[in-house]
Amino acid sequence: MAGVFLLGVPRRRRGTAMLGLLVFAFLATGLGCGGGGPTQVTTPGTPSGNYTITITATSGSNASQTTVNLTVQ
Protein backbone atom coordinates (compact mmCIF):
# COMPACT_ATOMS: atom_id res chain seq x y z
CA MET A 1 0.00 0.00 0.00
CA ALA A 2 2.91 2.34 0.75
CA GLY A 3 4.26 1.84 -2.77
CA VAL A 4 0.93 2.73 -4.37
CA PHE A 5 0.69 5.76 -2.11
CA LEU A 6 4.19 7.00 -2.99
CA LEU A 7 3.78 6.41 -6.74
CA GLY A 8 0.77 8.71 -6.85
CA VAL A 9 2.56 11.58 -5.10
CA PRO A 10 4.53 14.15 -7.14
CA ARG A 11 8.32 13.96 -6.70
CA ARG A 12 8.64 17.14 -4.67
CA ARG A 13 6.26 15.74 -2.03
CA ARG A 14 7.70 12.26 -1.68
CA GLY A 15 9.76 13.22 1.38
CA THR A 16 6.71 14.64 3.11
CA ALA A 17 4.64 11.62 2.11
CA MET A 18 7.32 9.26 3.44
CA LEU A 19 7.47 11.16 6.72
CA GLY A 20 3.68 11.01 7.03
CA LEU A 21 3.72 7.29 6.28
CA LEU A 22 6.39 6.67 8.94
CA VAL A 23 4.44 8.66 11.52
CA PHE A 24 1.31 6.68 10.67
CA ALA A 25 3.22 3.39 10.95
CA PHE A 26 4.61 4.34 14.38
CA LEU A 27 1.19 5.41 15.63
CA ALA A 28 -0.48 2.24 14.33
CA THR A 29 2.22 0.08 15.93
CA GLY A 30 1.97 1.93 19.23
CA LEU A 31 -1.80 1.59 19.38
CA GLY A 32 -1.73 -2.02 18.25
CA CYS A 33 0.80 -3.04 20.87
CA GLY A 34 -0.82 -1.13 23.70
CA GLY A 35 -2.14 -2.77 26.78
CA GLY A 36 -1.08 -3.69 30.24
CA GLY A 37 1.96 -5.55 31.33
CA PRO A 38 2.20 -9.32 31.57
CA THR A 39 -0.55 -10.95 33.55
CA GLN A 40 -0.18 -14.26 35.27
CA VAL A 41 -3.13 -16.59 34.92
CA THR A 42 -3.02 -19.63 37.14
CA THR A 43 -5.16 -22.62 36.34
CA PRO A 44 -5.25 -25.04 39.22
CA GLY A 45 -5.88 -28.02 36.93
CA THR A 46 -7.29 -31.35 38.03
CA PRO A 47 -6.79 -32.17 41.70
CA SER A 48 -4.62 -35.18 42.55
CA GLY A 49 -6.43 -38.45 43.09
CA ASN A 50 -7.94 -41.51 41.43
CA TYR A 51 -10.74 -41.07 38.91
CA THR A 52 -12.98 -43.51 37.07
CA ILE A 53 -13.92 -42.42 33.55
CA THR A 54 -16.82 -44.05 31.73
CA ILE A 55 -16.70 -44.04 27.92
CA THR A 56 -19.85 -44.79 25.95
CA ALA A 57 -19.96 -45.27 22.17
CA THR A 58 -23.17 -45.58 20.19
CA SER A 59 -23.94 -46.33 16.58
CA GLY A 60 -27.62 -46.50 15.73
CA SER A 61 -29.21 -48.81 18.29
CA ASN A 62 -25.86 -50.44 19.26
CA ALA A 63 -24.10 -49.17 22.38
CA SER A 64 -20.84 -50.14 24.03
CA GLN A 65 -19.50 -48.93 27.35
CA THR A 66 -16.15 -49.24 29.11
CA THR A 67 -14.48 -47.71 32.14
CA VAL A 68 -10.93 -46.43 32.53
CA ASN A 69 -9.14 -45.72 35.79
CA LEU A 70 -7.09 -42.51 35.82
CA THR A 71 -4.55 -41.54 38.47
CA VAL A 72 -3.57 -37.86 38.67
CA GLN A 73 -0.41 -37.23 40.67
PDB file of N, CA and C in Angstrom:
ATOM      1  N   MET A   1       0.827  -1.175   0.000  1.00  0.00           N
ATOM      2  CA  MET A   1       0.000   0.000   0.000  1.00  0.00           C
ATOM      3  C   MET A   1       0.880   1.251   0.000  1.00  0.00           C
ATOM      4  N   ALA A   2       2.017   1.184   0.693  1.00  0.00           N
ATOM      5  CA  ALA A   2       2.906   2.336   0.745  1.00  0.00           C
ATOM      6  C   ALA A   2       3.435   2.654  -0.644  1.00  0.00           C
ATOM      7  N   GLY A   3       3.756   1.629  -1.423  1.00  0.00           N
ATOM      8  CA  GLY A   3       4.261   1.839  -2.774  1.00  0.00           C
ATOM      9  C   GLY A   3       3.235   2.526  -3.654  1.00  0.00           C
ATOM     10  N   VAL A   4       1.995   2.107  -3.582  1.00  0.00           N
ATOM     11  CA  VAL A   4       0.930   2.733  -4.367  1.00  0.00           C
ATOM     12  C   VAL A   4       0.757   4.179  -3.927  1.00  0.00           C
ATOM     13  N   PHE A   5       0.831   4.417  -2.638  1.00  0.00           N
ATOM     14  CA  PHE A   5       0.693   5.764  -2.109  1.00  0.00           C
ATOM     15  C   PHE A   5       1.815   6.667  -2.616  1.00  0.00           C
ATOM     16  N   LEU A   6       3.050   6.183  -2.576  1.00  0.00           N
ATOM     17  CA  LEU A   6       4.191   6.999  -2.988  1.00  0.00           C
ATOM     18  C   LEU A   6       4.244   7.202  -4.503  1.00  0.00           C
ATOM     19  N   LEU A   7       3.773   6.249  -5.293  1.00  0.00           N
ATOM     20  CA  LEU A   7       3.782   6.409  -6.742  1.00  0.00           C
ATOM     21  C   LEU A   7       2.813   7.496  -7.196  1.00  0.00           C
ATOM     22  N   GLY A   8       1.760   7.716  -6.460  1.00  0.00           N
ATOM     23  CA  GLY A   8       0.771   8.708  -6.852  1.00  0.00           C
ATOM     24  C   GLY A   8       1.107  10.113  -6.393  1.00  0.00           C
ATOM     25  N   VAL A   9       2.191  10.271  -5.635  1.00  0.00           N
ATOM     26  CA  VAL A   9       2.561  11.579  -5.096  1.00  0.00           C
ATOM     27  C   VAL A   9       3.619  12.203  -5.995  1.00  0.00           C
ATOM     28  N   PRO A  10       3.495  13.491  -6.333  1.00  0.00           N
ATOM     29  CA  PRO A  10       4.528  14.148  -7.139  1.00  0.00           C
ATOM     30  C   PRO A  10       5.889  14.090  -6.453  1.00  0.00           C
ATOM     31  N   ARG A  11       6.964  14.139  -7.224  1.00  0.00           N
ATOM     32  CA  ARG A  11       8.318  13.962  -6.699  1.00  0.00           C
ATOM     33  C   ARG A  11       8.672  14.949  -5.585  1.00  0.00           C
ATOM     34  N   ARG A  12       8.243  16.163  -5.673  1.00  0.00           N
ATOM     35  CA  ARG A  12       8.643  17.140  -4.665  1.00  0.00           C
ATOM     36  C   ARG A  12       7.979  16.872  -3.311  1.00  0.00           C
ATOM     37  N   ARG A  13       6.956  16.031  -3.280  1.00  0.00           N
ATOM     38  CA  ARG A  13       6.259  15.745  -2.029  1.00  0.00           C
ATOM     39  C   ARG A  13       6.553  14.339  -1.498  1.00  0.00           C
ATOM     40  N   ARG A  14       7.433  13.628  -2.130  1.00  0.00           N
ATOM     41  CA  ARG A  14       7.701  12.256  -1.677  1.00  0.00           C
ATOM     42  C   ARG A  14       8.296  12.223  -0.280  1.00  0.00           C
ATOM     43  N   GLY A  15       9.170  13.177   0.032  1.00  0.00           N
ATOM     44  CA  GLY A  15       9.764  13.223   1.378  1.00  0.00           C
ATOM     45  C   GLY A  15       8.711  13.450   2.441  1.00  0.00           C
ATOM     46  N   THR A  16       7.794  14.364   2.181  1.00  0.00           N
ATOM     47  CA  THR A  16       6.709  14.642   3.114  1.00  0.00           C
ATOM     48  C   THR A  16       5.782  13.436   3.227  1.00  0.00           C
ATOM     49  N   ALA A  17       5.509  12.800   2.092  1.00  0.00           N
ATOM     50  CA  ALA A  17       4.644  11.615   2.112  1.00  0.00           C
ATOM     51  C   ALA A  17       5.303  10.483   2.891  1.00  0.00           C
ATOM     52  N   MET A  18       6.611  10.309   2.719  1.00  0.00           N
ATOM     53  CA  MET A  18       7.324   9.256   3.441  1.00  0.00           C
ATOM     54  C   MET A  18       7.315   9.535   4.940  1.00  0.00           C
ATOM     55  N   LEU A  19       7.514  10.794   5.312  1.00  0.00           N
ATOM     56  CA  LEU A  19       7.469  11.159   6.719  1.00  0.00           C
ATOM     57  C   LEU A  19       6.078  10.899   7.300  1.00  0.00           C
ATOM     58  N   GLY A  20       5.046  11.272   6.575  1.00  0.00           N
ATOM     59  CA  GLY A  20       3.680  11.010   7.033  1.00  0.00           C
ATOM     60  C   GLY A  20       3.403   9.527   7.167  1.00  0.00           C
ATOM     61  N   LEU A  21       3.915   8.739   6.227  1.00  0.00           N
ATOM     62  CA  LEU A  21       3.724   7.291   6.280  1.00  0.00           C
ATOM     63  C   LEU A  21       4.445   6.688   7.484  1.00  0.00           C
ATOM     64  N   LEU A  22       5.656   7.170   7.770  1.00  0.00           N
ATOM     65  CA  LEU A  22       6.388   6.673   8.936  1.00  0.00           C
ATOM     66  C   LEU A  22       5.684   7.042  10.235  1.00  0.00           C
ATOM     67  N   VAL A  23       5.174   8.254  10.326  1.00  0.00           N
ATOM     68  CA  VAL A  23       4.441   8.661  11.524  1.00  0.00           C
ATOM     69  C   VAL A  23       3.202   7.795  11.699  1.00  0.00           C
ATOM     70  N   PHE A  24       2.488   7.547  10.611  1.00  0.00           N
ATOM     71  CA  PHE A  24       1.313   6.684  10.668  1.00  0.00           C
ATOM     72  C   PHE A  24       1.696   5.273  11.122  1.00  0.00           C
ATOM     73  N   ALA A  25       2.790   4.744  10.587  1.00  0.00           N
ATOM     74  CA  ALA A  25       3.224   3.389  10.955  1.00  0.00           C
ATOM     75  C   ALA A  25       3.565   3.318  12.433  1.00  0.00           C
ATOM     76  N   PHE A  26       4.270   4.337  12.955  1.00  0.00           N
ATOM     77  CA  PHE A  26       4.612   4.337  14.379  1.00  0.00           C
ATOM     78  C   PHE A  26       3.370   4.453  15.254  1.00  0.00           C
ATOM     79  N   LEU A  27       2.430   5.289  14.857  1.00  0.00           N
ATOM     80  CA  LEU A  27       1.194   5.414  15.629  1.00  0.00           C
ATOM     81  C   LEU A  27       0.387   4.120  15.611  1.00  0.00           C
ATOM     82  N   ALA A  28       0.277   3.497  14.443  1.00  0.00           N
ATOM     83  CA  ALA A  28      -0.478   2.243  14.334  1.00  0.00           C
ATOM     84  C   ALA A  28       0.180   1.150  15.168  1.00  0.00           C
ATOM     85  N   THR A  29       1.511   1.094  15.144  1.00  0.00           N
ATOM     86  CA  THR A  29       2.222   0.082  15.930  1.00  0.00           C
ATOM     87  C   THR A  29       2.038   0.340  17.418  1.00  0.00           C
ATOM     88  N   GLY A  30       2.137   1.596  17.814  1.00  0.00           N
ATOM     89  CA  GLY A  30       1.973   1.934  19.227  1.00  0.00           C
ATOM     90  C   GLY A  30       0.584   1.610  19.744  1.00  0.00           C
ATOM     91  N   LEU A  31      -0.432   1.893  18.962  1.00  0.00           N
ATOM     92  CA  LEU A  31      -1.797   1.589  19.380  1.00  0.00           C
ATOM     93  C   LEU A  31      -2.068   0.096  19.349  1.00  0.00           C
ATOM     94  N   GLY A  32      -1.503  -0.583  18.370  1.00  0.00           N
ATOM     95  CA  GLY A  32      -1.729  -2.024  18.248  1.00  0.00           C
ATOM     96  C   GLY A  32      -1.054  -2.826  19.337  1.00  0.00           C
ATOM     97  N   CYS A  33       0.056  -2.315  19.843  1.00  0.00           N
ATOM     98  CA  CYS A  33       0.805  -3.040  20.867  1.00  0.00           C
ATOM     99  C   CYS A  33       0.488  -2.544  22.262  1.00  0.00           C
ATOM    100  N   GLY A  34      -0.484  -1.680  22.392  1.00  0.00           N
ATOM    101  CA  GLY A  34      -0.819  -1.133  23.699  1.00  0.00           C
ATOM    102  C   GLY A  34      -1.452  -2.175  24.589  1.00  0.00           C
ATOM    103  N   GLY A  35      -1.531  -1.853  25.838  1.00  0.00           N
ATOM    104  CA  GLY A  35      -2.138  -2.774  26.782  1.00  0.00           C
ATOM    105  C   GLY A  35      -1.322  -2.814  28.056  1.00  0.00           C
ATOM    106  N   GLY A  36      -1.779  -3.585  28.974  1.00  0.00           N
ATOM    107  CA  GLY A  36      -1.085  -3.689  30.243  1.00  0.00           C
ATOM    108  C   GLY A  36       0.134  -4.579  30.151  1.00  0.00           C
ATOM    109  N   GLY A  37       0.781  -4.700  31.249  1.00  0.00           N
ATOM    110  CA  GLY A  37       1.957  -5.553  31.335  1.00  0.00           C
ATOM    111  C   GLY A  37       1.551  -7.016  31.353  1.00  0.00           C
ATOM    112  N   PRO A  38       2.520  -7.891  31.562  1.00  0.00           N
ATOM    113  CA  PRO A  38       2.199  -9.321  31.571  1.00  0.00           C
ATOM    114  C   PRO A  38       1.299  -9.675  32.755  1.00  0.00           C
ATOM    115  N   THR A  39       0.329 -10.490  32.489  1.00  0.00           N
ATOM    116  CA  THR A  39      -0.554 -10.951  33.552  1.00  0.00           C
ATOM    117  C   THR A  39      -0.338 -12.441  33.742  1.00  0.00           C
ATOM    118  N   GLN A  40      -0.396 -12.860  34.964  1.00  0.00           N
ATOM    119  CA  GLN A  40      -0.180 -14.263  35.273  1.00  0.00           C
ATOM    120  C   GLN A  40      -1.522 -14.913  35.572  1.00  0.00           C
ATOM    121  N   VAL A  41      -1.887 -15.860  34.736  1.00  0.00           N
ATOM    122  CA  VAL A  41      -3.131 -16.588  34.917  1.00  0.00           C
ATOM    123  C   VAL A  41      -2.771 -17.969  35.438  1.00  0.00           C
ATOM    124  N   THR A  42      -3.301 -18.306  36.578  1.00  0.00           N
ATOM    125  CA  THR A  42      -3.021 -19.628  37.140  1.00  0.00           C
ATOM    126  C   THR A  42      -4.269 -20.482  37.022  1.00  0.00           C
ATOM    127  N   THR A  43      -4.093 -21.649  36.441  1.00  0.00           N
ATOM    128  CA  THR A  43      -5.164 -22.620  36.335  1.00  0.00           C
ATOM    129  C   THR A  43      -4.808 -23.770  37.256  1.00  0.00           C
ATOM    130  N   PRO A  44      -5.623 -24.019  38.258  1.00  0.00           N
ATOM    131  CA  PRO A  44      -5.249 -25.043  39.220  1.00  0.00           C
ATOM    132  C   PRO A  44      -5.199 -26.451  38.619  1.00  0.00           C
ATOM    133  N   GLY A  45      -5.914 -26.700  37.546  1.00  0.00           N
ATOM    134  CA  GLY A  45      -5.883 -28.022  36.932  1.00  0.00           C
ATOM    135  C   GLY A  45      -6.728 -29.023  37.696  1.00  0.00           C
ATOM    136  N   THR A  46      -6.543 -30.274  37.386  1.00  0.00           N
ATOM    137  CA  THR A  46      -7.294 -31.353  38.026  1.00  0.00           C
ATOM    138  C   THR A  46      -6.616 -31.726  39.340  1.00  0.00           C
ATOM    139  N   PRO A  47      -7.377 -31.790  40.414  1.00  0.00           N
ATOM    140  CA  PRO A  47      -6.787 -32.170  41.697  1.00  0.00           C
ATOM    141  C   PRO A  47      -6.237 -33.598  41.665  1.00  0.00           C
ATOM    142  N   SER A  48      -5.203 -33.833  42.462  1.00  0.00           N
ATOM    143  CA  SER A  48      -4.624 -35.178  42.553  1.00  0.00           C
ATOM    144  C   SER A  48      -5.659 -36.163  43.074  1.00  0.00           C
ATOM    145  N   GLY A  49      -5.525 -37.403  42.621  1.00  0.00           N
ATOM    146  CA  GLY A  49      -6.428 -38.447  43.093  1.00  0.00           C
ATOM    147  C   GLY A  49      -6.691 -39.489  42.023  1.00  0.00           C
ATOM    148  N   ASN A  50      -7.548 -40.434  42.348  1.00  0.00           N
ATOM    149  CA  ASN A  50      -7.943 -41.509  41.432  1.00  0.00           C
ATOM    150  C   ASN A  50      -9.327 -41.200  40.883  1.00  0.00           C
ATOM    151  N   TYR A  51      -9.473 -41.351  39.571  1.00  0.00           N
ATOM    152  CA  TYR A  51     -10.738 -41.067  38.910  1.00  0.00           C
ATOM    153  C   TYR A  51     -11.140 -42.255  38.056  1.00  0.00           C
ATOM    154  N   THR A  52     -12.448 -42.494  37.960  1.00  0.00           N
ATOM    155  CA  THR A  52     -12.981 -43.511  37.066  1.00  0.00           C
ATOM    156  C   THR A  52     -13.731 -42.784  35.955  1.00  0.00           C
ATOM    157  N   ILE A  53     -13.312 -43.057  34.713  1.00  0.00           N
ATOM    158  CA  ILE A  53     -13.917 -42.417  33.551  1.00  0.00           C
ATOM    159  C   ILE A  53     -14.721 -43.461  32.804  1.00  0.00           C
ATOM    160  N   THR A  54     -15.971 -43.147  32.492  1.00  0.00           N
ATOM    161  CA  THR A  54     -16.819 -44.055  31.731  1.00  0.00           C
ATOM    162  C   THR A  54     -16.948 -43.535  30.309  1.00  0.00           C
ATOM    163  N   ILE A  55     -16.634 -44.387  29.340  1.00  0.00           N
ATOM    164  CA  ILE A  55     -16.702 -44.036  27.924  1.00  0.00           C
ATOM    165  C   ILE A  55     -17.830 -44.834  27.294  1.00  0.00           C
ATOM    166  N   THR A  56     -18.731 -44.146  26.619  1.00  0.00           N
ATOM    167  CA  THR A  56     -19.852 -44.793  25.953  1.00  0.00           C
ATOM    168  C   THR A  56     -19.818 -44.449  24.474  1.00  0.00           C
ATOM    169  N   ALA A  57     -19.921 -45.469  23.617  1.00  0.00           N
ATOM    170  CA  ALA A  57     -19.962 -45.267  22.168  1.00  0.00           C
ATOM    171  C   ALA A  57     -21.264 -45.847  21.640  1.00  0.00           C
ATOM    172  N   THR A  58     -21.924 -45.095  20.778  1.00  0.00           N
ATOM    173  CA  THR A  58     -23.173 -45.580  20.191  1.00  0.00           C
ATOM    174  C   THR A  58     -23.118 -45.442  18.680  1.00  0.00           C
ATOM    175  N   SER A  59     -23.779 -46.371  18.022  1.00  0.00           N
ATOM    176  CA  SER A  59     -23.943 -46.333  16.575  1.00  0.00           C
ATOM    177  C   SER A  59     -25.317 -46.914  16.273  1.00  0.00           C
ATOM    178  N   GLY A  60     -26.248 -46.026  15.945  1.00  0.00           N
ATOM    179  CA  GLY A  60     -27.616 -46.500  15.731  1.00  0.00           C
ATOM    180  C   GLY A  60     -28.192 -46.990  17.045  1.00  0.00           C
ATOM    181  N   SER A  61     -28.646 -48.247  17.063  1.00  0.00           N
ATOM    182  CA  SER A  61     -29.209 -48.812  18.294  1.00  0.00           C
ATOM    183  C   SER A  61     -28.161 -49.598  19.080  1.00  0.00           C
ATOM    184  N   ASN A  62     -26.933 -49.729  18.553  1.00  0.00           N
ATOM    185  CA  ASN A  62     -25.861 -50.440  19.256  1.00  0.00           C
ATOM    186  C   ASN A  62     -25.128 -49.481  20.193  1.00  0.00           C
ATOM    187  N   ALA A  63     -24.829 -49.977  21.396  1.00  0.00           N
ATOM    188  CA  ALA A  63     -24.102 -49.170  22.376  1.00  0.00           C
ATOM    189  C   ALA A  63     -23.057 -50.042  23.052  1.00  0.00           C
ATOM    190  N   SER A  64     -21.918 -49.439  23.336  1.00  0.00           N
ATOM    191  CA  SER A  64     -20.842 -50.135  24.034  1.00  0.00           C
ATOM    192  C   SER A  64     -20.303 -49.189  25.093  1.00  0.00           C
ATOM    193  N   GLN A  65     -19.959 -49.748  26.240  1.00  0.00           N
ATOM    194  CA  GLN A  65     -19.504 -48.928  27.348  1.00  0.00           C
ATOM    195  C   GLN A  65     -18.292 -49.586  28.003  1.00  0.00           C
ATOM    196  N   THR A  66     -17.319 -48.752  28.386  1.00  0.00           N
ATOM    197  CA  THR A  66     -16.152 -49.244  29.107  1.00  0.00           C
ATOM    198  C   THR A  66     -15.726 -48.204  30.123  1.00  0.00           C
ATOM    199  N   THR A  67     -14.977 -48.626  31.123  1.00  0.00           N
ATOM    200  CA  THR A  67     -14.477 -47.713  32.140  1.00  0.00           C
ATOM    201  C   THR A  67     -12.959 -47.723  32.137  1.00  0.00           C
ATOM    202  N   VAL A  68     -12.385 -46.591  32.471  1.00  0.00           N
ATOM    203  CA  VAL A  68     -10.933 -46.432  32.526  1.00  0.00           C
ATOM    204  C   VAL A  68     -10.610 -45.787  33.867  1.00  0.00           C
ATOM    205  N   ASN A  69      -9.591 -46.311  34.554  1.00  0.00           N
ATOM    206  CA  ASN A  69      -9.138 -45.722  35.790  1.00  0.00           C
ATOM    207  C   ASN A  69      -7.996 -44.753  35.491  1.00  0.00           C
ATOM    208  N   LEU A  70      -8.075 -43.545  36.050  1.00  0.00           N
ATOM    209  CA  LEU A  70      -7.086 -42.512  35.821  1.00  0.00           C
ATOM    210  C   LEU A  70      -6.534 -42.053  37.155  1.00  0.00           C
ATOM    211  N   THR A  71      -5.209 -42.015  37.257  1.00  0.00           N
ATOM    212  CA  THR A  71      -4.547 -41.541  38.466  1.00  0.00           C
ATOM    213  C   THR A  71      -3.831 -40.242  38.142  1.00  0.00           C
ATOM    214  N   VAL A  72      -4.210 -39.165  38.835  1.00  0.00           N
ATOM    215  CA  VAL A  72      -3.571 -37.863  38.672  1.00  0.00           C
ATOM    216  C   VAL A  72      -2.648 -37.656  39.871  1.00  0.00           C
ATOM    217  N   GLN A  73      -1.375 -37.393  39.573  1.00  0.00           N
ATOM    218  CA  GLN A  73      -0.408 -37.229  40.673  1.00  0.00           C
ATOM    219  C   GLN A  73      -0.100 -35.785  40.906  1.00  0.00           C
TER     220      GLN A  73
END
